[in-house]
Amino acid sequence: MDAQQADVFWCSDTYRRVLTAIVTRDPQEGLTSEFLLTEFESDVAVLIEPCGVEQVLLRRDTRIVQLRCVGDSIIVEPSAIGPVINEFPQIQNKAQVLQRLTELYQGDGKPDNTAWAPAALRLRDALIAFDGRALGMTYREIAMLIFGEERVHRDWSDIDRILKNRTIRAVKRGRRFVDGDYVKLLS
């Protein structure tokens, strides 16, 4: 698995797009809905924290939802969940996450053709570049991870050094994130 396919779990205390849900075996009319992980048409990853809280990552194409599950185990089916909206009246982020969760659960079958936004792509590339450098990779090897071998073979030696410079900037940006700039992304 490479950095672009890795499951990344965010700390729900600092990242607003993690949806907290109360999980129960006893559905309560109007408060919870049946929820079966096995019915999702997406990849599912579960991380169980030492305190017993389950973090569930649901992914299909570029759509990703992270649930922070408290109460009963969501792994034991059938389960019922009730989303917790704890940021009222600033609920825009939670509404977006709920919409994305609904799309993943309904499995509309449509591929998500959403392209990476330029800022998100720079962030992704920076983290990949930092990880590659930490593993001792050369700038050229890092560029192959980010841009693909074909493009690197074709453009690496260009006189304008665009690919080399982008890779070096990505490594520097990754270092800044690791040194503390990532906090700006979470607010």
N, C-alpha and C. Protein backbone atom coordinates (compact mmCIF):
# COMPACT_ATOMS: atom_id res chain seq x y z
N MET A 1 0.85 -1.17 0.00
CA MET A 1 0.00 0.00 0.00
C MET A 1 0.89 1.23 0.00
N ASP A 2 0.55 2.23 -0.81
CA ASP A 2 1.34 3.45 -0.81
C ASP A 2 0.59 4.55 -0.05
N ALA A 3 1.22 5.70 0.05
CA ALA A 3 0.67 6.79 0.85
C ALA A 3 -0.69 7.26 0.36
N GLN A 4 -0.95 7.12 -0.93
CA GLN A 4 -2.21 7.60 -1.47
C GLN A 4 -3.38 6.67 -1.13
N GLN A 5 -3.12 5.43 -0.76
CA GLN A 5 -4.19 4.49 -0.42
C GLN A 5 -4.27 4.20 1.08
N ALA A 6 -3.38 4.76 1.86
CA ALA A 6 -3.33 4.46 3.30
C ALA A 6 -4.58 4.98 4.01
N ASP A 7 -5.02 4.25 5.02
CA ASP A 7 -6.13 4.69 5.86
C ASP A 7 -5.59 5.68 6.87
N VAL A 8 -6.16 6.88 6.89
CA VAL A 8 -5.71 7.93 7.80
C VAL A 8 -6.87 8.27 8.72
N PHE A 9 -6.66 8.09 10.02
CA PHE A 9 -7.67 8.43 11.01
C PHE A 9 -7.27 9.75 11.67
N TRP A 10 -8.24 10.69 11.73
CA TRP A 10 -7.99 11.99 12.33
C TRP A 10 -8.47 12.00 13.78
N CYS A 11 -7.83 12.80 14.59
CA CYS A 11 -8.26 12.99 15.97
C CYS A 11 -9.53 13.83 15.97
N SER A 12 -10.60 13.29 16.50
CA SER A 12 -11.89 13.97 16.43
C SER A 12 -11.93 15.23 17.29
N ASP A 13 -11.02 15.39 18.23
CA ASP A 13 -10.98 16.60 19.05
C ASP A 13 -10.52 17.81 18.26
N THR A 14 -9.73 17.59 17.22
CA THR A 14 -9.17 18.71 16.47
C THR A 14 -9.66 18.81 15.04
N TYR A 15 -10.27 17.77 14.52
CA TYR A 15 -10.72 17.77 13.13
C TYR A 15 -12.24 17.74 13.10
N ARG A 16 -12.83 18.80 12.60
CA ARG A 16 -14.29 18.98 12.67
C ARG A 16 -15.08 18.04 11.77
N ARG A 17 -14.44 17.40 10.84
CA ARG A 17 -15.18 16.56 9.89
C ARG A 17 -15.28 15.11 10.32
N VAL A 18 -14.97 14.84 11.57
CA VAL A 18 -15.21 13.51 12.12
C VAL A 18 -16.60 13.55 12.74
N LEU A 19 -17.45 12.61 12.35
CA LEU A 19 -18.83 12.57 12.84
C LEU A 19 -18.91 11.60 14.02
N THR A 20 -19.31 12.09 15.17
CA THR A 20 -19.51 11.24 16.32
C THR A 20 -20.90 10.63 16.25
N ALA A 21 -20.98 9.34 16.55
CA ALA A 21 -22.27 8.64 16.52
C ALA A 21 -22.40 7.77 17.77
N ILE A 22 -23.58 7.77 18.34
CA ILE A 22 -23.87 6.88 19.45
C ILE A 22 -24.37 5.57 18.86
N VAL A 23 -23.76 4.47 19.27
CA VAL A 23 -24.10 3.15 18.74
C VAL A 23 -24.85 2.37 19.82
N THR A 24 -25.93 1.71 19.41
CA THR A 24 -26.71 0.92 20.36
C THR A 24 -27.23 -0.34 19.68
N ARG A 25 -27.52 -1.36 20.45
CA ARG A 25 -28.16 -2.58 19.94
C ARG A 25 -29.68 -2.44 19.96
N ASP A 26 -30.15 -1.43 20.70
CA ASP A 26 -31.58 -1.24 20.91
C ASP A 26 -32.04 0.03 20.17
N PRO A 27 -32.45 -0.10 18.89
CA PRO A 27 -32.87 1.08 18.13
C PRO A 27 -34.00 1.83 18.84
N GLN A 28 -33.87 3.15 18.84
CA GLN A 28 -34.89 3.99 19.46
C GLN A 28 -35.56 4.83 18.38
N GLU A 29 -36.85 4.65 18.22
CA GLU A 29 -37.62 5.32 17.17
C GLU A 29 -37.36 6.83 17.20
N GLY A 30 -36.95 7.37 16.06
CA GLY A 30 -36.72 8.80 15.93
C GLY A 30 -35.36 9.27 16.40
N LEU A 31 -34.62 8.42 17.09
CA LEU A 31 -33.31 8.83 17.60
C LEU A 31 -32.16 8.11 16.91
N THR A 32 -32.36 6.87 16.51
CA THR A 32 -31.30 6.10 15.87
C THR A 32 -31.86 5.40 14.64
N SER A 33 -30.96 4.99 13.76
CA SER A 33 -31.34 4.25 12.56
C SER A 33 -30.47 3.01 12.44
N GLU A 34 -31.03 1.94 11.84
CA GLU A 34 -30.24 0.73 11.64
C GLU A 34 -29.04 1.05 10.78
N PHE A 35 -27.93 0.44 11.11
CA PHE A 35 -26.67 0.75 10.44
C PHE A 35 -25.87 -0.54 10.32
N LEU A 36 -25.63 -1.00 9.10
CA LEU A 36 -24.89 -2.24 8.88
C LEU A 36 -23.64 -1.94 8.06
N LEU A 37 -22.48 -2.13 8.64
CA LEU A 37 -21.23 -1.90 7.91
C LEU A 37 -21.14 -2.76 6.67
N THR A 38 -21.70 -3.97 6.75
CA THR A 38 -21.60 -4.90 5.62
C THR A 38 -22.42 -4.45 4.42
N GLU A 39 -23.31 -3.48 4.59
CA GLU A 39 -24.12 -3.01 3.47
C GLU A 39 -23.50 -1.83 2.73
N PHE A 40 -22.37 -1.34 3.21
CA PHE A 40 -21.73 -0.23 2.53
C PHE A 40 -21.03 -0.73 1.28
N GLU A 41 -21.21 0.01 0.18
CA GLU A 41 -20.49 -0.29 -1.05
C GLU A 41 -19.21 0.54 -1.06
N SER A 42 -18.39 0.33 -0.06
CA SER A 42 -17.15 1.07 0.06
C SER A 42 -16.18 0.26 0.90
N ASP A 43 -14.94 0.72 0.94
CA ASP A 43 -13.95 0.09 1.81
C ASP A 43 -14.21 0.54 3.24
N VAL A 44 -14.06 -0.36 4.18
CA VAL A 44 -14.29 -0.07 5.59
C VAL A 44 -13.04 -0.43 6.38
N ALA A 45 -12.58 0.51 7.21
CA ALA A 45 -11.47 0.25 8.12
C ALA A 45 -11.92 0.66 9.52
N VAL A 46 -11.54 -0.13 10.52
CA VAL A 46 -11.93 0.16 11.90
C VAL A 46 -10.67 0.22 12.76
N LEU A 47 -10.58 1.26 13.56
CA LEU A 47 -9.50 1.43 14.53
C LEU A 47 -10.16 1.48 15.91
N ILE A 48 -9.75 0.58 16.80
CA ILE A 48 -10.31 0.58 18.15
C ILE A 48 -9.28 1.19 19.09
N GLU A 49 -9.65 2.31 19.69
CA GLU A 49 -8.77 3.01 20.61
C GLU A 49 -8.65 2.22 21.92
N PRO A 50 -7.57 2.42 22.68
CA PRO A 50 -7.43 1.71 23.96
C PRO A 50 -8.62 1.91 24.91
N CYS A 51 -9.30 3.06 24.81
CA CYS A 51 -10.44 3.33 25.68
C CYS A 51 -11.72 2.65 25.17
N GLY A 52 -11.65 1.97 24.02
CA GLY A 52 -12.80 1.26 23.49
C GLY A 52 -13.58 2.00 22.42
N VAL A 53 -13.29 3.28 22.21
CA VAL A 53 -13.96 4.05 21.17
C VAL A 53 -13.52 3.51 19.81
N GLU A 54 -14.49 3.29 18.92
CA GLU A 54 -14.19 2.78 17.59
C GLU A 54 -14.20 3.92 16.57
N GLN A 55 -13.13 4.01 15.80
CA GLN A 55 -13.06 4.95 14.69
C GLN A 55 -13.28 4.14 13.42
N VAL A 56 -14.28 4.53 12.63
CA VAL A 56 -14.61 3.80 11.41
C VAL A 56 -14.37 4.72 10.22
N LEU A 57 -13.61 4.22 9.26
CA LEU A 57 -13.31 4.97 8.05
C LEU A 57 -14.00 4.28 6.89
N LEU A 58 -14.85 5.02 6.19
CA LEU A 58 -15.58 4.50 5.03
C LEU A 58 -15.06 5.25 3.81
N ARG A 59 -14.68 4.51 2.76
CA ARG A 59 -14.07 5.15 1.59
C ARG A 59 -14.55 4.50 0.30
N ARG A 60 -14.95 5.36 -0.65
CA ARG A 60 -15.21 4.92 -2.01
C ARG A 60 -14.73 6.03 -2.93
N ASP A 61 -13.82 5.69 -3.82
CA ASP A 61 -13.19 6.68 -4.69
C ASP A 61 -12.57 7.77 -3.82
N THR A 62 -12.96 9.03 -4.04
CA THR A 62 -12.41 10.11 -3.22
C THR A 62 -13.35 10.51 -2.09
N ARG A 63 -14.46 9.81 -1.93
CA ARG A 63 -15.38 10.09 -0.83
C ARG A 63 -14.93 9.33 0.41
N ILE A 64 -14.74 10.06 1.50
CA ILE A 64 -14.28 9.45 2.74
C ILE A 64 -15.10 10.03 3.89
N VAL A 65 -15.51 9.16 4.79
CA VAL A 65 -16.20 9.58 6.01
C VAL A 65 -15.56 8.86 7.18
N GLN A 66 -15.31 9.62 8.25
CA GLN A 66 -14.82 9.00 9.48
C GLN A 66 -15.88 9.16 10.56
N LEU A 67 -16.24 8.04 11.17
CA LEU A 67 -17.19 8.02 12.28
C LEU A 67 -16.44 7.72 13.57
N ARG A 68 -16.74 8.45 14.61
CA ARG A 68 -16.25 8.16 15.96
C ARG A 68 -17.42 7.54 16.70
N CYS A 69 -17.34 6.25 16.95
CA CYS A 69 -18.47 5.50 17.49
C CYS A 69 -18.31 5.28 18.99
N VAL A 70 -19.31 5.71 19.76
CA VAL A 70 -19.30 5.53 21.20
C VAL A 70 -20.52 4.70 21.60
N GLY A 71 -20.42 4.02 22.70
CA GLY A 71 -21.51 3.15 23.15
C GLY A 71 -21.18 1.72 22.82
N ASP A 72 -22.13 1.01 22.23
CA ASP A 72 -21.92 -0.38 21.84
C ASP A 72 -20.99 -0.45 20.63
N SER A 73 -20.50 -1.65 20.34
CA SER A 73 -19.60 -1.85 19.20
C SER A 73 -20.38 -1.80 17.90
N ILE A 74 -19.86 -1.05 16.95
CA ILE A 74 -20.51 -0.98 15.63
C ILE A 74 -20.16 -2.20 14.79
N ILE A 75 -19.13 -2.94 15.21
CA ILE A 75 -18.71 -4.13 14.46
C ILE A 75 -19.73 -5.25 14.62
N VAL A 76 -20.35 -5.33 15.79
CA VAL A 76 -21.35 -6.37 16.05
C VAL A 76 -22.67 -5.92 15.43
N GLU A 77 -23.13 -6.67 14.44
CA GLU A 77 -24.36 -6.28 13.75
C GLU A 77 -25.53 -7.13 14.22
N PRO A 78 -26.74 -6.63 14.18
CA PRO A 78 -27.11 -5.30 13.71
C PRO A 78 -26.85 -4.23 14.77
N SER A 79 -26.59 -3.04 14.28
CA SER A 79 -26.37 -1.88 15.14
C SER A 79 -27.34 -0.79 14.73
N ALA A 80 -27.49 0.16 15.62
CA ALA A 80 -28.25 1.37 15.31
C ALA A 80 -27.37 2.54 15.72
N ILE A 81 -27.39 3.60 14.92
CA ILE A 81 -26.57 4.77 15.24
C ILE A 81 -27.43 6.02 15.30
N GLY A 82 -26.96 6.93 16.10
CA GLY A 82 -27.56 8.27 16.17
C GLY A 82 -26.45 9.28 16.08
N PRO A 83 -26.41 10.07 14.99
CA PRO A 83 -25.35 11.07 14.86
C PRO A 83 -25.45 12.12 15.96
N VAL A 84 -24.30 12.59 16.41
CA VAL A 84 -24.25 13.63 17.43
C VAL A 84 -23.84 14.93 16.74
N ILE A 85 -24.71 15.93 16.81
CA ILE A 85 -24.39 17.25 16.25
C ILE A 85 -24.06 18.14 17.44
N ASN A 86 -22.77 18.26 17.71
CA ASN A 86 -22.33 18.94 18.93
C ASN A 86 -21.72 20.31 18.68
N GLU A 87 -21.94 20.88 17.50
CA GLU A 87 -21.36 22.18 17.20
C GLU A 87 -22.43 23.18 16.79
N PHE A 88 -23.63 23.00 17.28
CA PHE A 88 -24.73 23.89 16.92
C PHE A 88 -24.42 25.31 17.38
N PRO A 89 -24.64 26.34 16.59
CA PRO A 89 -25.30 26.35 15.29
C PRO A 89 -24.35 26.22 14.10
N GLN A 90 -23.04 26.05 14.31
CA GLN A 90 -22.09 25.89 13.19
C GLN A 90 -22.07 24.43 12.75
N ILE A 91 -23.09 24.02 12.01
CA ILE A 91 -23.23 22.60 11.66
C ILE A 91 -22.92 22.30 10.20
N GLN A 92 -22.38 23.26 9.45
CA GLN A 92 -22.12 23.04 8.03
C GLN A 92 -21.23 21.84 7.79
N ASN A 93 -20.14 21.71 8.55
CA ASN A 93 -19.23 20.59 8.37
C ASN A 93 -19.93 19.26 8.63
N LYS A 94 -20.72 19.20 9.70
CA LYS A 94 -21.42 17.96 10.03
C LYS A 94 -22.46 17.63 8.97
N ALA A 95 -23.13 18.64 8.43
CA ALA A 95 -24.13 18.41 7.38
C ALA A 95 -23.46 17.82 6.14
N GLN A 96 -22.27 18.31 5.79
CA GLN A 96 -21.54 17.78 4.65
C GLN A 96 -21.13 16.33 4.89
N VAL A 97 -20.68 16.03 6.11
CA VAL A 97 -20.27 14.67 6.43
C VAL A 97 -21.48 13.74 6.39
N LEU A 98 -22.62 14.18 6.92
CA LEU A 98 -23.84 13.37 6.87
C LEU A 98 -24.27 13.10 5.42
N GLN A 99 -24.15 14.11 4.56
CA GLN A 99 -24.50 13.92 3.15
C GLN A 99 -23.57 12.90 2.50
N ARG A 100 -22.28 13.00 2.78
CA ARG A 100 -21.31 12.07 2.23
C ARG A 100 -21.57 10.65 2.75
N LEU A 101 -21.91 10.53 4.04
CA LEU A 101 -22.23 9.23 4.63
C LEU A 101 -23.45 8.62 3.94
N THR A 102 -24.45 9.43 3.69
CA THR A 102 -25.65 8.96 3.00
C THR A 102 -25.31 8.46 1.60
N GLU A 103 -24.47 9.20 0.87
CA GLU A 103 -24.07 8.78 -0.47
C GLU A 103 -23.32 7.46 -0.43
N LEU A 104 -22.44 7.29 0.54
CA LEU A 104 -21.70 6.03 0.65
C LEU A 104 -22.63 4.88 1.01
N TYR A 105 -23.59 5.12 1.89
CA TYR A 105 -24.49 4.06 2.34
C TYR A 105 -25.45 3.65 1.24
N GLN A 106 -25.95 4.63 0.48
CA GLN A 106 -26.90 4.31 -0.58
C GLN A 106 -26.21 3.65 -1.76
N GLY A 107 -24.90 3.85 -1.89
CA GLY A 107 -24.15 3.19 -2.96
C GLY A 107 -24.75 3.45 -4.32
N ASP A 108 -24.83 4.71 -4.70
CA ASP A 108 -25.48 5.08 -5.95
C ASP A 108 -24.81 4.49 -7.18
N GLY A 109 -23.63 3.89 -7.01
CA GLY A 109 -22.96 3.23 -8.14
C GLY A 109 -22.24 4.18 -9.06
N LYS A 110 -22.43 5.47 -8.88
CA LYS A 110 -21.76 6.44 -9.74
C LYS A 110 -20.34 6.64 -9.24
N PRO A 111 -19.37 6.57 -10.14
CA PRO A 111 -18.01 6.83 -9.68
C PRO A 111 -17.87 8.30 -9.29
N ASP A 112 -17.09 8.56 -8.31
CA ASP A 112 -16.84 9.92 -7.89
C ASP A 112 -15.69 10.45 -8.74
N ASN A 113 -16.01 11.36 -9.63
CA ASN A 113 -15.00 11.89 -10.55
C ASN A 113 -14.41 13.19 -10.04
N THR A 114 -14.57 13.45 -8.77
CA THR A 114 -14.06 14.67 -8.20
C THR A 114 -12.54 14.68 -8.30
N ALA A 115 -12.02 15.72 -8.91
CA ALA A 115 -10.57 15.87 -9.01
C ALA A 115 -10.05 16.49 -7.72
N TRP A 116 -8.79 16.28 -7.45
CA TRP A 116 -8.18 16.91 -6.28
C TRP A 116 -8.19 18.42 -6.48
N ALA A 117 -8.58 19.15 -5.47
CA ALA A 117 -8.43 20.61 -5.49
C ALA A 117 -6.94 20.90 -5.43
N PRO A 118 -6.48 21.97 -6.08
CA PRO A 118 -5.04 22.25 -6.10
C PRO A 118 -4.41 22.33 -4.70
N ALA A 119 -5.08 22.97 -3.75
CA ALA A 119 -4.52 23.08 -2.40
C ALA A 119 -4.43 21.71 -1.74
N ALA A 120 -5.45 20.88 -1.91
CA ALA A 120 -5.45 19.53 -1.32
C ALA A 120 -4.36 18.68 -1.97
N LEU A 121 -4.17 18.84 -3.26
CA LEU A 121 -3.13 18.09 -3.97
C LEU A 121 -1.74 18.47 -3.45
N ARG A 122 -1.53 19.75 -3.19
CA ARG A 122 -0.23 20.19 -2.65
C ARG A 122 0.00 19.59 -1.26
N LEU A 123 -1.06 19.54 -0.46
CA LEU A 123 -0.94 18.94 0.88
C LEU A 123 -0.62 17.46 0.78
N ARG A 124 -1.35 16.76 -0.07
CA ARG A 124 -1.11 15.33 -0.25
C ARG A 124 0.32 15.08 -0.70
N ASP A 125 0.77 15.84 -1.71
CA ASP A 125 2.12 15.67 -2.24
C ASP A 125 3.18 15.98 -1.18
N ALA A 126 2.91 16.99 -0.34
CA ALA A 126 3.87 17.35 0.70
C ALA A 126 4.04 16.22 1.70
N LEU A 127 2.95 15.58 2.09
CA LEU A 127 3.04 14.49 3.06
C LEU A 127 3.72 13.26 2.45
N ILE A 128 3.43 12.99 1.19
CA ILE A 128 4.11 11.88 0.50
C ILE A 128 5.60 12.18 0.40
N ALA A 129 5.93 13.42 0.03
CA ALA A 129 7.33 13.81 -0.13
C ALA A 129 8.08 13.73 1.20
N PHE A 130 7.45 14.20 2.27
CA PHE A 130 8.10 14.13 3.58
C PHE A 130 8.36 12.68 3.97
N ASP A 131 7.35 11.84 3.81
CA ASP A 131 7.52 10.42 4.15
C ASP A 131 8.64 9.78 3.33
N GLY A 132 8.67 10.10 2.04
CA GLY A 132 9.71 9.54 1.18
C GLY A 132 11.10 9.98 1.61
N ARG A 133 11.23 11.25 1.94
CA ARG A 133 12.53 11.76 2.37
C ARG A 133 12.95 11.13 3.71
N ALA A 134 11.97 10.96 4.60
CA ALA A 134 12.26 10.34 5.89
C ALA A 134 12.74 8.90 5.71
N LEU A 135 12.32 8.26 4.63
CA LEU A 135 12.75 6.89 4.34
C LEU A 135 14.06 6.85 3.56
N GLY A 136 14.63 8.04 3.28
CA GLY A 136 15.92 8.10 2.59
C GLY A 136 15.83 8.12 1.08
N MET A 137 14.66 8.39 0.54
CA MET A 137 14.50 8.41 -0.91
C MET A 137 15.12 9.67 -1.51
N THR A 138 15.56 9.57 -2.75
CA THR A 138 16.07 10.72 -3.47
C THR A 138 14.89 11.55 -3.96
N TYR A 139 15.18 12.80 -4.38
CA TYR A 139 14.11 13.64 -4.92
C TYR A 139 13.47 12.98 -6.16
N ARG A 140 14.29 12.36 -6.96
CA ARG A 140 13.77 11.70 -8.17
C ARG A 140 12.83 10.55 -7.78
N GLU A 141 13.20 9.75 -6.79
CA GLU A 141 12.33 8.65 -6.36
C GLU A 141 11.02 9.18 -5.78
N ILE A 142 11.11 10.28 -5.04
CA ILE A 142 9.90 10.90 -4.50
C ILE A 142 9.01 11.39 -5.64
N ALA A 143 9.62 12.01 -6.64
CA ALA A 143 8.86 12.49 -7.79
C ALA A 143 8.14 11.34 -8.49
N MET A 144 8.76 10.17 -8.56
CA MET A 144 8.10 9.01 -9.18
C MET A 144 6.87 8.60 -8.39
N LEU A 145 6.93 8.70 -7.06
CA LEU A 145 5.77 8.39 -6.24
C LEU A 145 4.62 9.36 -6.53
N ILE A 146 4.96 10.62 -6.63
CA ILE A 146 3.94 11.66 -6.77
C ILE A 146 3.43 11.79 -8.21
N PHE A 147 4.34 11.84 -9.16
CA PHE A 147 3.97 12.15 -10.54
C PHE A 147 3.95 10.95 -11.48
N GLY A 148 4.49 9.82 -11.04
CA GLY A 148 4.54 8.64 -11.88
C GLY A 148 5.87 8.52 -12.61
N GLU A 149 6.26 7.27 -12.85
CA GLU A 149 7.56 7.02 -13.47
C GLU A 149 7.65 7.59 -14.88
N GLU A 150 6.59 7.44 -15.66
CA GLU A 150 6.63 7.90 -17.05
C GLU A 150 6.90 9.40 -17.13
N ARG A 151 6.19 10.18 -16.32
CA ARG A 151 6.38 11.63 -16.36
C ARG A 151 7.77 12.00 -15.88
N VAL A 152 8.29 11.34 -14.85
CA VAL A 152 9.63 11.65 -14.35
C VAL A 152 10.67 11.32 -15.40
N HIS A 153 10.55 10.16 -16.06
CA HIS A 153 11.51 9.81 -17.11
C HIS A 153 11.47 10.84 -18.25
N ARG A 154 10.30 11.36 -18.53
CA ARG A 154 10.15 12.31 -19.63
C ARG A 154 10.60 13.72 -19.25
N ASP A 155 10.27 14.19 -18.01
CA ASP A 155 10.43 15.61 -17.69
C ASP A 155 11.51 15.94 -16.66
N TRP A 156 12.13 14.94 -16.04
CA TRP A 156 13.06 15.21 -14.94
C TRP A 156 14.25 16.06 -15.37
N SER A 157 14.77 15.84 -16.55
CA SER A 157 15.99 16.53 -17.00
C SER A 157 15.72 17.78 -17.82
N ASP A 158 14.47 18.24 -17.84
CA ASP A 158 14.15 19.48 -18.58
C ASP A 158 14.98 20.64 -18.04
N ILE A 159 15.30 21.55 -18.93
CA ILE A 159 16.14 22.68 -18.56
C ILE A 159 15.46 23.60 -17.55
N ASP A 160 14.14 23.66 -17.56
CA ASP A 160 13.42 24.56 -16.64
C ASP A 160 13.29 23.99 -15.23
N ARG A 161 13.59 22.70 -15.01
CA ARG A 161 13.62 22.05 -13.70
C ARG A 161 12.28 22.11 -12.96
N ILE A 162 11.19 22.22 -13.68
CA ILE A 162 9.88 22.36 -13.03
C ILE A 162 9.58 21.18 -12.11
N LEU A 163 9.77 19.97 -12.60
CA LEU A 163 9.47 18.79 -11.80
C LEU A 163 10.39 18.68 -10.58
N LYS A 164 11.68 18.95 -10.79
CA LYS A 164 12.63 18.92 -9.67
C LYS A 164 12.24 19.95 -8.61
N ASN A 165 11.95 21.17 -9.05
CA ASN A 165 11.61 22.24 -8.11
C ASN A 165 10.31 21.94 -7.37
N ARG A 166 9.32 21.39 -8.06
CA ARG A 166 8.06 21.04 -7.39
C ARG A 166 8.28 19.98 -6.32
N THR A 167 9.16 19.03 -6.62
CA THR A 167 9.45 17.96 -5.66
C THR A 167 10.18 18.52 -4.43
N ILE A 168 11.15 19.37 -4.66
CA ILE A 168 11.90 19.97 -3.55
C ILE A 168 10.96 20.83 -2.70
N ARG A 169 10.08 21.61 -3.34
CA ARG A 169 9.12 22.41 -2.57
C ARG A 169 8.17 21.52 -1.78
N ALA A 170 7.79 20.40 -2.36
CA ALA A 170 6.89 19.48 -1.66
C ALA A 170 7.55 18.92 -0.40
N VAL A 171 8.83 18.59 -0.49
CA VAL A 171 9.55 18.09 0.69
C VAL A 171 9.61 19.17 1.76
N LYS A 172 9.92 20.40 1.37
CA LYS A 172 9.99 21.51 2.33
C LYS A 172 8.62 21.77 2.96
N ARG A 173 7.59 21.75 2.16
CA ARG A 173 6.22 21.96 2.67
C ARG A 173 5.85 20.85 3.66
N GLY A 174 6.21 19.62 3.33
CA GLY A 174 5.96 18.51 4.23
C GLY A 174 6.67 18.69 5.56
N ARG A 175 7.88 19.15 5.53
CA ARG A 175 8.64 19.40 6.77
C ARG A 175 7.93 20.46 7.61
N ARG A 176 7.44 21.53 6.96
CA ARG A 176 6.73 22.58 7.71
C ARG A 176 5.46 22.03 8.37
N PHE A 177 4.73 21.16 7.66
CA PHE A 177 3.53 20.55 8.24
C PHE A 177 3.88 19.74 9.48
N VAL A 178 4.89 18.92 9.35
CA VAL A 178 5.29 18.06 10.47
C VAL A 178 5.78 18.90 11.64
N ASP A 179 6.39 20.04 11.35
CA ASP A 179 6.90 20.91 12.40
C ASP A 179 5.81 21.78 13.04
N GLY A 180 4.56 21.62 12.61
CA GLY A 180 3.49 22.34 13.30
C GLY A 180 2.48 23.04 12.42
N ASP A 181 2.75 23.25 11.14
CA ASP A 181 1.80 23.94 10.28
C ASP A 181 0.50 23.17 10.07
N TYR A 182 0.51 21.87 10.34
CA TYR A 182 -0.70 21.06 10.14
C TYR A 182 -1.86 21.57 11.00
N VAL A 183 -1.56 22.22 12.10
CA VAL A 183 -2.60 22.72 13.00
C VAL A 183 -3.50 23.72 12.28
N LYS A 184 -2.93 24.50 11.34
CA LYS A 184 -3.71 25.46 10.58
C LYS A 184 -4.78 24.77 9.74
N LEU A 185 -4.53 23.54 9.30
CA LEU A 185 -5.48 22.82 8.47
C LEU A 185 -6.69 22.37 9.26
N LEU A 186 -6.53 22.18 10.53
CA LEU A 186 -7.59 21.60 11.35
C LEU A 186 -8.59 22.62 11.85
N SER A 187 -8.27 23.89 11.69
CA SER A 187 -9.20 24.91 12.21
C SER A 187 -10.11 25.43 11.14
